[in-house]
């Protein structure tokens, strides 16, 4: 039996799938709670922004998780994870409501990019962001963490 030598990380697409799935599950849970809050309030129209805020939180969280679960190109994995969630949430919104708010796609894309960026930041002695280090992308620097 071999000892555990190094930390394993998921591939980029597997990490993105985990992030997208976790964002979708979190969205179902948060939107259920949000719907219950708005239904029991005296004026549900005033709390309609809660659903949009829940979707933005789920998009940020999913892309953050997607970027955090991989060591190879974490920003790309987080962005793909956010895109998976945006496509899924947009399809559900179009099926149920028949239309999207004009600000929905730009704002959710910004949340996905922000989550991917925050998830790609790694703590290291060099204080650099590996997802944006051009030398590491070309393979000149080997990550020794």
Protein backbone atom coordinates (compact mmCIF):
# COMPACT_ATOMS: atom_id res chain seq x y z
CA UNK A 1 0.00 0.00 0.00
CA UNK A 2 1.46 3.32 -1.09
CA UNK A 3 1.34 6.35 1.21
CA UNK A 4 -0.63 9.38 0.19
CA UNK A 5 1.99 11.55 -1.48
CA UNK A 6 0.32 14.49 -3.13
CA UNK A 7 -2.99 16.26 -3.22
CA UNK A 8 -5.18 15.14 -6.12
CA UNK A 9 -7.34 17.54 -8.04
CA UNK A 10 -10.06 17.02 -10.62
CA UNK A 11 -9.65 17.62 -14.33
CA UNK A 12 -10.90 20.90 -15.68
CA UNK A 13 -14.18 19.62 -17.15
CA UNK A 14 -14.94 17.40 -14.15
CA UNK A 15 -14.38 20.36 -11.85
CA UNK A 16 -16.65 22.52 -14.00
CA UNK A 17 -19.35 19.85 -13.89
CA UNK A 18 -19.13 19.67 -10.11
CA UNK A 19 -19.42 23.46 -9.88
CA UNK A 20 -22.38 23.60 -12.26
CA UNK A 21 -24.20 20.80 -10.47
CA UNK A 22 -23.60 22.32 -7.05
CA UNK A 23 -24.88 25.69 -8.29
CA UNK A 24 -28.03 24.04 -9.65
CA UNK A 25 -28.73 22.17 -6.41
CA UNK A 26 -28.10 25.31 -4.37
CA UNK A 27 -30.42 27.27 -6.69
CA UNK A 28 -33.25 24.80 -6.15
CA UNK A 29 -32.86 25.03 -2.39
CA UNK A 30 -32.51 28.81 -2.22
CA UNK A 31 -35.30 29.50 -4.69
CA UNK A 32 -37.64 27.23 -2.72
CA UNK A 33 -36.91 29.20 0.45
CA UNK A 34 -37.24 32.48 -1.45
CA UNK A 35 -40.59 31.45 -2.91
CA UNK A 36 -41.86 30.54 0.54
CA UNK A 37 -40.76 33.91 1.92
CA UNK A 38 -42.45 35.85 -0.85
CA UNK A 39 -45.68 33.85 -0.64
CA UNK A 40 -46.07 34.43 3.09
CA UNK A 41 -45.32 38.15 2.88
CA UNK A 42 -48.14 40.71 2.68
CA UNK A 43 -46.83 42.19 -0.59
CA UNK A 44 -44.95 39.54 -2.67
CA UNK A 45 -44.13 42.01 -5.46
CA UNK A 46 -41.79 43.95 -3.16
CA UNK A 47 -39.69 40.83 -2.54
CA UNK A 48 -39.35 39.70 -6.15
CA UNK A 49 -35.69 40.79 -6.17
CA UNK A 50 -34.85 37.97 -3.72
CA UNK A 51 -35.12 35.35 -6.45
CA UNK A 52 -32.73 37.25 -8.69
CA UNK A 53 -30.28 37.70 -5.80
CA UNK A 54 -30.47 33.96 -5.07
CA UNK A 55 -29.65 33.13 -8.70
CA UNK A 56 -26.68 35.50 -8.64
CA UNK A 57 -25.40 33.96 -5.42
CA UNK A 58 -25.71 30.48 -6.90
CA UNK A 59 -23.89 31.52 -10.07
CA UNK A 60 -21.01 33.01 -8.08
CA UNK A 61 -20.82 29.99 -5.78
CA UNK A 62 -20.90 27.47 -8.62
CA UNK A 63 -18.12 29.15 -10.57
CA UNK A 64 -16.07 29.54 -7.37
CA UNK A 65 -16.42 25.82 -6.63
CA UNK A 66 -15.58 24.95 -10.22
CA UNK A 67 -12.38 26.97 -10.05
CA UNK A 68 -11.42 25.69 -6.60
CA UNK A 69 -11.61 21.97 -7.39
CA UNK A 70 -8.88 21.97 -10.04
CA UNK A 71 -5.25 22.98 -10.26
CA UNK A 72 -5.05 23.12 -14.06
CA UNK A 73 -6.61 26.27 -15.50
CA UNK A 74 -8.89 27.08 -12.58
CA UNK A 75 -10.23 30.30 -14.11
CA UNK A 76 -11.38 28.48 -17.24
CA UNK A 77 -12.97 25.73 -15.15
CA UNK A 78 -14.84 28.31 -13.08
CA UNK A 79 -16.00 30.20 -16.16
CA UNK A 80 -17.24 26.99 -17.79
CA UNK A 81 -19.01 26.07 -14.56
CA UNK A 82 -20.72 29.45 -14.47
CA UNK A 83 -21.69 29.10 -18.13
CA UNK A 84 -23.22 25.69 -17.40
CA UNK A 85 -25.36 27.20 -14.67
CA UNK A 86 -26.35 30.22 -16.75
CA UNK A 87 -27.49 28.00 -19.63
CA UNK A 88 -29.45 25.75 -17.26
CA UNK A 89 -31.10 28.63 -15.39
CA UNK A 90 -31.89 30.48 -18.63
CA UNK A 91 -33.50 27.40 -20.15
CA UNK A 92 -35.67 26.92 -17.06
CA UNK A 93 -36.62 30.61 -17.03
CA UNK A 94 -37.54 30.52 -20.73
CA UNK A 95 -39.61 27.36 -20.33
CA UNK A 96 -41.50 28.60 -17.28
CA UNK A 97 -41.76 32.35 -17.89
CA UNK A 98 -41.25 32.62 -21.63
CA UNK A 99 -38.85 35.59 -21.39
CA UNK A 100 -35.71 36.84 -19.67
CA UNK A 101 -35.04 40.22 -18.09
CA UNK A 102 -32.62 42.24 -20.27
CA UNK A 103 -30.11 42.56 -17.41
CA UNK A 104 -30.14 38.84 -16.56
CA UNK A 105 -27.41 37.56 -18.89
CA UNK A 106 -24.83 40.35 -18.40
CA UNK A 107 -25.20 40.36 -14.62
CA UNK A 108 -25.04 36.58 -14.26
CA UNK A 109 -22.03 36.46 -16.60
CA UNK A 110 -20.30 39.07 -14.43
CA UNK A 111 -21.05 36.99 -11.31
CA UNK A 112 -19.67 33.88 -13.01
CA UNK A 113 -16.46 35.67 -14.02
CA UNK A 114 -16.06 37.15 -10.53
CA UNK A 115 -16.56 33.74 -8.92
CA UNK A 116 -14.07 32.13 -11.30
CA UNK A 117 -11.53 34.86 -10.59
CA UNK A 118 -11.93 34.58 -6.80
CA UNK A 119 -11.75 30.79 -6.98
CA UNK A 120 -8.60 30.84 -9.09
CA UNK A 121 -6.60 32.82 -6.54
CA UNK A 122 -4.24 30.49 -4.73
CA UNK A 123 -2.11 31.20 -1.71
CA UNK A 124 1.54 30.81 -2.48
CA UNK A 125 4.86 32.31 -1.53
CA UNK A 126 5.13 34.09 -4.86
CA UNK A 127 1.78 35.89 -4.36
CA UNK A 128 0.65 35.27 -7.91
CA UNK A 129 -2.49 34.04 -9.55
CA UNK A 130 -1.64 30.79 -11.36
CA UNK A 131 -4.60 31.03 -13.72
CA UNK A 132 -3.20 34.25 -15.17
CA UNK A 133 0.52 33.46 -15.07
CA UNK A 134 1.53 33.22 -18.71
CA UNK A 135 4.77 31.35 -17.98
CA UNK A 136 2.91 28.62 -16.10
CA UNK A 137 0.40 28.28 -18.92
CA UNK A 138 3.26 27.60 -21.33
CA UNK A 139 4.81 25.08 -18.93
CA UNK A 140 7.96 27.03 -18.08
CA UNK A 141 7.25 27.11 -14.35
CA UNK A 142 6.25 23.88 -12.67
CA UNK A 143 3.92 24.20 -9.69
CA UNK A 144 5.76 22.74 -6.70
CA UNK A 145 3.03 23.18 -4.07
